[in-house]
């Protein structure tokens, strides 16, 4: 069905961005798929459909493994965007098999349960140290003091990024991630292109250094892969490193501040969590469901599909609404209520299918470590002032989160 002019879904409306969940309820009531003209997409709001389509091989993150732009009915991206496109299109998130399979098989060796287990002391120690600093200062910005530096340091450590260079990572990442919003403006594209060039040049030099002096890090491991089936080109190495650095902290940062903002707005649930730290595992899953860091995931239709009697043709784009799926009452009873003890919680914040988040175990470790440290060291943590929400819709986060420790 087509989206009417009075559709409440409006990714550029600050009121919608502040709280998209009522609009999602309206979308789900409209049907299983809704045509949205402003972005030329089909919106899919129900959990069952989103979950199934994430696994459907008739959809793809790219179409270029099967079709040219012309064959698919699309125009080639603007030439000025080429540095961003080259960087983005060689990362496994935007590839399909067999290239996706080859790169993911190699990278997954760095994210085994054993590897994540080995990282626990480092992650916990860093979280404790960051929270201790926040407590010493009597508070601060939870975003810049804890939420950002923890995952940035962890993924940079895994990749072997020298500590002195890590301050550049977050600005580069923010500029590049601006292109994942719907219909990004030309100035957004220009910032992403500039960041893509600088980030790629930096990593090219780092890869050359690791070739000369290998270390015990993931970049050295990618270089050392001798299996012809797994070997990466230099561009694939650069794109993979950027993807891991961006994805390795973006969702964790936003999950942390979105989660604590939700806790401050639900004082009874926060009190229950402070009284019983054994709730932390289910609390983390519930907070990721309740205010989802990645609200939308796009897929191209590679072969015609039918959803509830509507045929969506090859060449169309589908927008899978993670935030809506995570609030679907067919799966989550009373979905607008924050319930930190919610046991049955099949949220899809980490996606599903072949593009399931490879770093999900690491993200859970980081979220657990920071929450444990904050509950233990700052039991009187309070909100200093209401935060401003970032204007972005797809990647959902806050500009900051001012807190006090009394």
Protein backbone atom coordinates (compact mmCIF):
# COMPACT_ATOMS: atom_id res chain seq x y z
CA UNK A 1 0.00 0.00 0.00
CA UNK A 2 1.09 3.61 -0.46
CA UNK A 3 1.81 6.06 2.32
CA UNK A 4 -0.87 8.76 2.61
CA UNK A 5 0.06 12.41 2.92
CA UNK A 6 -0.89 12.42 6.60
CA UNK A 7 1.59 9.64 7.47
CA UNK A 8 3.24 10.49 10.81
CA UNK A 9 6.52 8.90 9.67
CA UNK A 10 8.76 11.92 8.93
CA UNK A 11 12.52 11.39 9.45
CA UNK A 12 13.23 15.13 9.10
CA UNK A 13 10.73 16.28 11.73
CA UNK A 14 12.46 16.93 15.10
CA UNK A 15 9.32 15.83 16.96
CA UNK A 16 9.34 12.50 15.13
CA UNK A 17 13.09 12.03 15.70
CA UNK A 18 12.59 12.76 19.42
CA UNK A 19 10.00 9.95 19.69
CA UNK A 20 9.32 7.89 16.55
CA UNK A 21 7.54 5.08 18.37
CA UNK A 22 3.93 6.41 18.13
CA UNK A 23 4.42 6.85 14.37
CA UNK A 24 5.65 3.26 14.16
CA UNK A 25 2.45 2.08 15.84
CA UNK A 26 0.49 3.92 13.14
CA UNK A 27 2.63 2.34 10.42
CA UNK A 28 2.04 -1.16 11.80
CA UNK A 29 -1.71 -0.47 11.84
CA UNK A 30 -1.57 0.62 8.17
CA UNK A 31 -0.27 -2.75 7.03
CA UNK A 32 2.78 -4.93 6.56
CA UNK A 33 4.42 -2.71 3.94
CA UNK A 34 3.90 1.00 3.20
CA UNK A 35 5.23 2.95 0.22
CA UNK A 36 7.09 6.11 1.27
CA UNK A 37 7.57 8.52 -1.64
CA UNK A 38 10.03 11.04 -0.07
CA UNK A 39 12.80 8.39 0.07
CA UNK A 40 11.45 6.14 -2.72
CA UNK A 41 11.34 3.17 -0.31
CA UNK A 42 8.99 0.53 0.99
CA UNK A 43 8.75 0.69 4.79
CA UNK A 44 8.47 -2.63 6.64
CA UNK A 45 7.40 -2.09 10.28
CA UNK A 46 6.45 -5.55 11.68
CA UNK A 47 8.88 -7.76 13.60
CA UNK A 48 8.01 -10.98 11.76
CA UNK A 49 8.56 -9.40 8.34
CA UNK A 50 11.75 -7.54 9.31
CA UNK A 51 13.20 -10.71 10.82
CA UNK A 52 12.29 -12.83 7.78
CA UNK A 53 13.51 -10.29 5.21
CA UNK A 54 16.89 -9.93 6.92
CA UNK A 55 17.40 -13.61 5.99
CA UNK A 56 15.81 -13.44 2.51
CA UNK A 57 18.39 -13.88 -0.27
CA UNK A 58 16.09 -12.07 -2.73
CA UNK A 59 17.26 -8.91 -0.96
CA UNK A 60 20.81 -7.58 -0.83
CA UNK A 61 22.88 -4.77 0.63
CA UNK A 62 24.24 -4.26 -2.89
CA UNK A 63 23.09 -5.22 -6.36
CA UNK A 64 26.39 -4.78 -8.16
CA UNK A 65 27.38 -8.42 -7.72
CA UNK A 66 24.51 -9.24 -10.11
CA UNK A 67 23.59 -6.11 -12.06
CA UNK A 68 25.11 -2.96 -13.48
CA UNK A 69 23.56 0.35 -12.43
CA UNK A 70 21.81 0.51 -15.81
CA UNK A 71 20.45 -3.05 -15.61
CA UNK A 72 19.08 -2.29 -12.15
CA UNK A 73 17.48 0.94 -13.29
CA UNK A 74 19.70 3.16 -11.14
CA UNK A 75 22.05 6.03 -11.87
CA UNK A 76 25.69 5.70 -10.93
CA UNK A 77 26.59 7.68 -7.77
CA UNK A 78 27.99 11.19 -8.38
CA UNK A 79 31.67 11.15 -9.31
CA UNK A 80 32.39 13.57 -6.44
CA UNK A 81 31.28 10.86 -3.97
CA UNK A 82 33.73 8.28 -5.33
CA UNK A 83 36.13 8.19 -2.31
CA UNK A 84 33.23 7.46 0.04
CA UNK A 85 31.72 4.89 -2.32
CA UNK A 86 35.03 3.06 -2.78
CA UNK A 87 35.56 2.94 0.98
CA UNK A 88 31.99 1.92 1.78
CA UNK A 89 31.40 -0.55 -1.04
CA UNK A 90 34.42 -2.73 -0.19
CA UNK A 91 33.35 -3.31 3.43
CA UNK A 92 31.58 -6.56 4.24
CA UNK A 93 28.40 -4.80 5.45
CA UNK A 94 27.76 -3.65 1.87
CA UNK A 95 28.88 -6.81 0.14
CA UNK A 96 27.04 -10.03 -0.69
CA UNK A 97 28.45 -13.56 -1.12
CA UNK A 98 30.95 -14.68 -2.20
CA UNK A 99 32.99 -11.57 -1.26
CA UNK A 100 31.05 -11.06 1.98
CA UNK A 101 31.62 -14.69 2.97
CA UNK A 102 35.35 -14.51 2.29
CA UNK A 103 35.93 -11.32 4.30
CA UNK A 104 33.61 -12.25 7.17
CA UNK A 105 35.26 -15.67 7.54
CA UNK A 106 38.62 -13.99 8.04
CA UNK A 107 37.44 -11.19 10.33
CA UNK A 108 35.31 -13.50 12.47
CA UNK A 109 38.50 -15.12 13.77
CA UNK A 110 39.07 -11.94 15.80
CA UNK A 111 35.59 -12.07 17.38
CA UNK A 112 35.39 -15.64 18.65
CA UNK A 113 33.95 -16.19 22.16
CA UNK A 114 37.49 -17.07 23.33
CA UNK A 115 38.87 -13.75 22.01
CA UNK A 116 36.09 -11.75 23.64
CA UNK A 117 36.65 -13.65 26.89
CA UNK A 118 40.34 -12.70 26.80
CA UNK A 119 39.37 -9.04 26.42
CA UNK A 120 37.24 -9.02 29.58
CA UNK A 121 39.94 -7.85 32.04
CA UNK A 122 41.01 -5.03 29.71
CA UNK A 123 37.43 -3.85 29.05
CA UNK A 124 36.41 -4.03 32.72
CA UNK A 125 39.58 -2.29 33.86
CA UNK A 126 39.11 0.55 31.36
CA UNK A 127 35.42 0.96 32.27
CA UNK A 128 36.33 1.13 35.98
CA UNK A 129 39.02 3.72 35.26
CA UNK A 130 36.73 5.93 33.16
CA UNK A 131 33.91 5.81 35.71
CA UNK A 132 36.35 6.54 38.54
CA UNK A 133 37.32 9.73 36.71
CA UNK A 134 33.67 10.71 36.34
CA UNK A 135 33.13 10.15 40.07
CA UNK A 136 36.24 12.17 41.02
CA UNK A 137 34.91 15.10 38.99
CA UNK A 138 31.49 14.89 40.63
CA UNK A 139 29.92 14.16 37.24
CA UNK A 140 30.32 15.31 33.66
CA UNK A 141 29.15 14.23 30.23
CA UNK A 142 28.47 10.50 30.23
CA UNK A 143 28.84 10.51 26.45
CA UNK A 144 32.36 11.95 26.22
CA UNK A 145 33.64 10.70 29.60
CA UNK A 146 32.56 7.04 29.44
CA UNK A 147 30.33 6.02 26.51
CA UNK A 148 32.72 7.12 23.74
CA UNK A 149 36.22 6.41 25.03
CA UNK A 150 35.49 2.83 26.13
CA UNK A 151 34.48 1.20 22.81
CA UNK A 152 36.77 3.45 20.76
CA UNK A 153 39.76 2.30 22.82
CA UNK A 154 38.74 -1.36 22.67
CA UNK A 155 38.30 -1.60 18.89
CA UNK A 156 41.38 0.57 18.29
CA UNK A 157 43.38 -1.73 20.57
CA UNK A 158 42.16 -4.79 18.65
CA UNK A 159 43.10 -3.23 15.31
CA UNK A 160 46.42 -1.89 16.55
CA UNK A 161 45.72 1.84 16.18
CA UNK A 162 48.38 3.72 18.21
CA UNK A 163 46.94 5.53 21.21
CA UNK A 164 48.19 8.92 19.98
CA UNK A 165 46.10 8.59 16.78
CA UNK A 166 42.80 7.57 18.34
CA UNK A 167 41.43 11.09 18.73
CA UNK A 168 40.89 11.27 14.96
CA UNK A 169 38.70 8.17 14.81
CA UNK A 170 35.47 9.56 16.23
CA UNK A 171 35.30 12.69 13.98
CA UNK A 172 36.08 10.59 10.89
CA UNK A 173 33.45 8.06 11.89
CA UNK A 174 30.78 10.70 12.56
CA UNK A 175 31.38 12.29 9.14
CA UNK A 176 31.19 8.98 7.30
CA UNK A 177 28.09 7.79 9.19
CA UNK A 178 26.26 10.94 8.09
CA UNK A 179 25.87 9.26 4.70
CA UNK A 180 23.75 6.50 6.22
CA UNK A 181 20.90 8.92 6.94
CA UNK A 182 18.00 9.19 4.51
CA UNK A 183 18.60 11.54 1.56
CA UNK A 184 21.83 13.06 2.96
CA UNK A 185 22.54 16.68 2.00
CA UNK A 186 25.44 17.60 -0.27
CA UNK A 187 27.44 19.19 2.58
CA UNK A 188 27.04 15.92 4.50
CA UNK A 189 28.40 14.06 1.47
CA UNK A 190 31.33 16.48 1.19
CA UNK A 191 32.29 15.86 4.84
CA UNK A 192 31.99 12.10 4.33
CA UNK A 193 34.19 12.23 1.22
CA UNK A 194 36.85 14.28 3.02
CA UNK A 195 36.82 11.90 6.00
CA UNK A 196 36.97 8.88 3.66
CA UNK A 197 40.08 10.24 1.97
CA UNK A 198 41.84 11.09 5.25
CA UNK A 199 40.84 7.85 6.99
CA UNK A 200 41.93 5.75 3.98
CA UNK A 201 45.29 7.53 3.71
CA UNK A 202 45.92 7.03 7.41
CA UNK A 203 45.13 3.30 7.24
CA UNK A 204 47.17 2.83 4.08
CA UNK A 205 50.21 4.15 5.94
CA UNK A 206 49.40 2.01 9.00
CA UNK A 207 49.05 -1.12 6.85
CA UNK A 208 52.43 -0.38 5.23
CA UNK A 209 53.95 -0.04 8.72
CA UNK A 210 52.37 -3.35 9.83
CA UNK A 211 53.79 -5.06 6.74
CA UNK A 212 57.24 -3.93 7.85
CA UNK A 213 56.67 -4.60 11.56
CA UNK A 214 53.80 -7.01 12.22
CA UNK A 215 52.16 -6.88 15.64
CA UNK A 216 49.66 -8.90 17.63
CA UNK A 217 46.66 -7.07 16.20
CA UNK A 218 43.87 -7.59 13.68
CA UNK A 219 45.42 -5.52 10.88
CA UNK A 220 48.60 -7.62 11.12
CA UNK A 221 46.40 -10.72 11.09
CA UNK A 222 44.59 -9.60 7.94
CA UNK A 223 47.92 -8.96 6.23
CA UNK A 224 49.25 -12.36 7.29
CA UNK A 225 46.32 -14.37 5.89
CA UNK A 226 47.99 -16.84 3.53
CA UNK A 227 44.94 -18.78 2.37
CA UNK A 228 44.22 -17.66 -1.21
CA UNK A 229 40.49 -17.95 -0.51
CA UNK A 230 40.70 -15.52 2.40
CA UNK A 231 43.30 -13.05 1.20
CA UNK A 232 42.16 -9.41 1.19
CA UNK A 233 43.13 -6.69 -1.23
CA UNK A 234 44.54 -3.53 0.31
CA UNK A 235 41.25 -1.70 -0.35
CA UNK A 236 39.30 -4.50 1.34
CA UNK A 237 41.65 -4.23 4.32
CA UNK A 238 41.13 -0.47 4.54
CA UNK A 239 37.36 -0.75 4.17
CA UNK A 240 37.18 -3.58 6.70
CA UNK A 241 39.20 -1.62 9.26
CA UNK A 242 36.98 1.46 8.81
CA UNK A 243 33.82 -0.63 9.11
CA UNK A 244 35.07 -2.29 12.30
CA UNK A 245 36.16 1.03 13.79
CA UNK A 246 32.85 2.71 12.92
CA UNK A 247 30.52 -0.15 13.78
CA UNK A 248 32.72 -1.16 16.68
CA UNK A 249 31.82 1.90 18.68
CA UNK A 250 28.90 3.77 17.07
CA UNK A 251 26.15 1.44 18.29
CA UNK A 252 27.74 0.94 21.73
CA UNK A 253 28.10 4.68 22.31
CA UNK A 254 24.47 5.33 21.41
CA UNK A 255 23.17 2.29 23.28
CA UNK A 256 24.93 3.56 26.42
CA UNK A 257 23.51 7.09 26.41
CA UNK A 258 20.09 6.10 25.05
CA UNK A 259 19.94 3.46 27.77
CA UNK A 260 20.85 5.75 30.67
CA UNK A 261 18.47 8.44 29.42
CA UNK A 262 15.72 5.78 29.45
CA UNK A 263 16.71 4.73 32.97
CA UNK A 264 16.55 8.32 34.25
CA UNK A 265 13.04 8.62 32.75
CA UNK A 266 11.98 5.37 34.45
CA UNK A 267 13.15 5.84 38.07
CA UNK A 268 11.38 2.74 39.40
CA UNK A 269 13.25 0.54 36.94
CA UNK A 270 16.54 2.29 37.74
CA UNK A 271 15.93 1.73 41.46
CA UNK A 272 15.26 -1.97 40.83
CA UNK A 273 18.51 -2.25 38.86
CA UNK A 274 20.50 -0.49 41.58
CA UNK A 275 19.05 -2.88 44.15
CA UNK A 276 19.77 -5.99 42.08
CA UNK A 277 22.78 -6.00 39.77
CA UNK A 278 21.86 -9.49 38.56
CA UNK A 279 19.36 -7.70 36.30
CA UNK A 280 22.20 -6.24 34.21
CA UNK A 281 22.12 -8.89 31.40
CA UNK A 282 18.39 -8.58 30.77
CA UNK A 283 18.55 -4.81 31.35
CA UNK A 284 21.06 -4.38 28.52
CA UNK A 285 18.89 -6.36 26.09
CA UNK A 286 15.79 -4.42 27.12
CA UNK A 287 17.45 -1.02 26.81
CA UNK A 288 18.65 -1.90 23.31
CA UNK A 289 15.10 -2.92 22.40
CA UNK A 290 13.43 0.04 24.09
CA UNK A 291 15.39 2.77 22.28
CA UNK A 292 17.15 1.10 19.35
CA UNK A 293 20.54 2.61 18.30
CA UNK A 294 20.07 1.67 14.61
CA UNK A 295 16.50 2.45 13.59
CA UNK A 296 16.55 1.42 9.94
CA UNK A 297 18.43 -1.00 7.68
CA UNK A 298 18.13 -0.73 3.89
CA UNK A 299 18.07 -3.60 1.39
CA UNK A 300 17.75 -3.72 -2.40
CA UNK A 301 15.18 -6.01 -4.02
CA UNK A 302 17.19 -8.32 -6.30
CA UNK A 303 14.21 -10.45 -7.36
CA UNK A 304 10.51 -9.54 -7.13
CA UNK A 305 9.00 -10.32 -3.75
CA UNK A 306 5.45 -10.23 -2.43
CA UNK A 307 4.46 -8.94 1.00
CA UNK A 308 0.83 -9.30 2.01
CA UNK A 309 -0.38 -9.21 -1.59
CA UNK A 310 1.85 -6.30 -2.63
CA UNK A 311 4.48 -7.16 -5.24
CA UNK A 312 7.68 -5.20 -4.70
CA UNK A 313 9.66 -5.25 -7.94
CA UNK A 314 13.34 -5.82 -8.59
CA UNK A 315 15.17 -2.50 -8.32
CA UNK A 316 13.09 -1.21 -5.41
CA UNK A 317 14.56 -0.42 -1.99
CA UNK A 318 13.14 -1.71 1.28
CA UNK A 319 13.62 0.04 4.62
CA UNK A 320 13.48 -2.47 7.48
CA UNK A 321 12.40 -0.52 10.56
CA UNK A 322 14.30 -2.03 13.49
CA UNK A 323 12.87 0.47 15.98
CA UNK A 324 9.32 -0.41 14.98
CA UNK A 325 9.99 -4.16 14.98
CA UNK A 326 11.38 -3.86 18.51
CA UNK A 327 8.10 -2.26 19.63
CA UNK A 328 5.77 -4.71 17.88
CA UNK A 329 3.11 -5.82 20.42
CA UNK A 330 2.75 -9.11 18.54
CA UNK A 331 6.19 -10.04 19.93
CA UNK A 332 6.72 -7.77 22.95
CA UNK A 333 3.83 -7.47 25.42
CA UNK A 334 3.30 -3.84 26.47
CA UNK A 335 6.21 -2.71 24.26
CA UNK A 336 6.22 0.94 25.35
CA UNK A 337 6.94 -0.11 28.95
CA UNK A 338 10.57 -0.41 30.01
CA UNK A 339 10.87 -3.80 31.75
CA UNK A 340 14.46 -4.57 32.74
CA UNK A 341 13.46 -8.10 33.77
CA UNK A 342 11.92 -8.89 30.36
CA UNK A 343 13.10 -12.45 29.76
CA UNK A 344 11.70 -13.22 26.30
CA UNK A 345 13.37 -10.48 24.26
CA UNK A 346 14.08 -11.38 20.61
CA UNK A 347 15.02 -7.82 19.64
CA UNK A 348 16.78 -7.34 16.33
CA UNK A 349 19.05 -4.44 17.28
CA UNK A 350 22.04 -6.50 16.10
CA UNK A 351 20.29 -7.39 12.80
CA UNK A 352 20.01 -11.02 11.62
CA UNK A 353 21.02 -13.33 8.80
CA UNK A 354 24.42 -13.09 7.12
CA UNK A 355 24.78 -9.44 8.20
CA UNK A 356 24.21 -10.15 11.89
CA UNK A 357 26.55 -7.89 13.86
CA UNK A 358 29.88 -9.68 14.11
CA UNK A 359 30.79 -7.58 17.17
CA UNK A 360 27.61 -8.26 19.17
CA UNK A 361 29.42 -10.26 21.91
CA UNK A 362 31.99 -7.47 22.27
CA UNK A 363 29.27 -4.79 22.41
CA UNK A 364 27.48 -6.73 25.16
CA UNK A 365 30.76 -7.01 27.09
CA UNK A 366 31.36 -3.24 26.83
CA UNK A 367 27.80 -2.35 27.82
CA UNK A 368 27.97 -4.75 30.77
CA UNK A 369 31.31 -3.35 31.91
CA UNK A 370 30.23 0.31 31.82
CA UNK A 371 26.87 -0.37 33.46
CA UNK A 372 28.47 -2.46 36.22
CA UNK A 373 31.06 0.24 36.89
CA UNK A 374 28.46 3.02 36.99
CA UNK A 375 26.10 1.11 39.28
CA UNK A 376 28.94 0.12 41.61
CA UNK A 377 30.97 3.34 41.75
CA UNK A 378 28.24 5.92 41.17
CA UNK A 379 25.09 4.63 42.89
CA UNK A 380 23.85 8.22 43.26
CA UNK A 381 24.28 9.09 39.58
CA UNK A 382 21.59 11.60 38.58
CA UNK A 383 20.67 13.54 35.48
CA UNK A 384 21.97 17.12 35.54
CA UNK A 385 19.80 18.37 32.66
CA UNK A 386 17.66 16.97 29.90
CA UNK A 387 19.79 16.05 26.87
CA UNK A 388 19.48 17.27 23.30
CA UNK A 389 18.86 14.52 20.79
CA UNK A 390 20.96 14.35 17.65
CA UNK A 391 18.96 15.32 14.56
CA UNK A 392 19.79 11.97 12.91
CA UNK A 393 17.05 9.40 12.49
CA UNK A 394 18.78 6.24 11.23
CA UNK A 395 21.58 6.28 13.81
CA UNK A 396 19.79 7.30 16.99
CA UNK A 397 21.72 9.04 19.76
CA UNK A 398 22.16 12.07 21.98
CA UNK A 399 24.39 15.13 21.70
CA UNK A 400 25.50 14.49 25.29
CA UNK A 401 24.21 13.33 28.68
CA UNK A 402 25.11 15.58 31.62
CA UNK A 403 25.18 13.73 34.93
CA UNK A 404 26.05 14.44 38.56
CA UNK A 405 27.51 12.18 41.23
CA UNK A 406 26.52 13.38 44.67
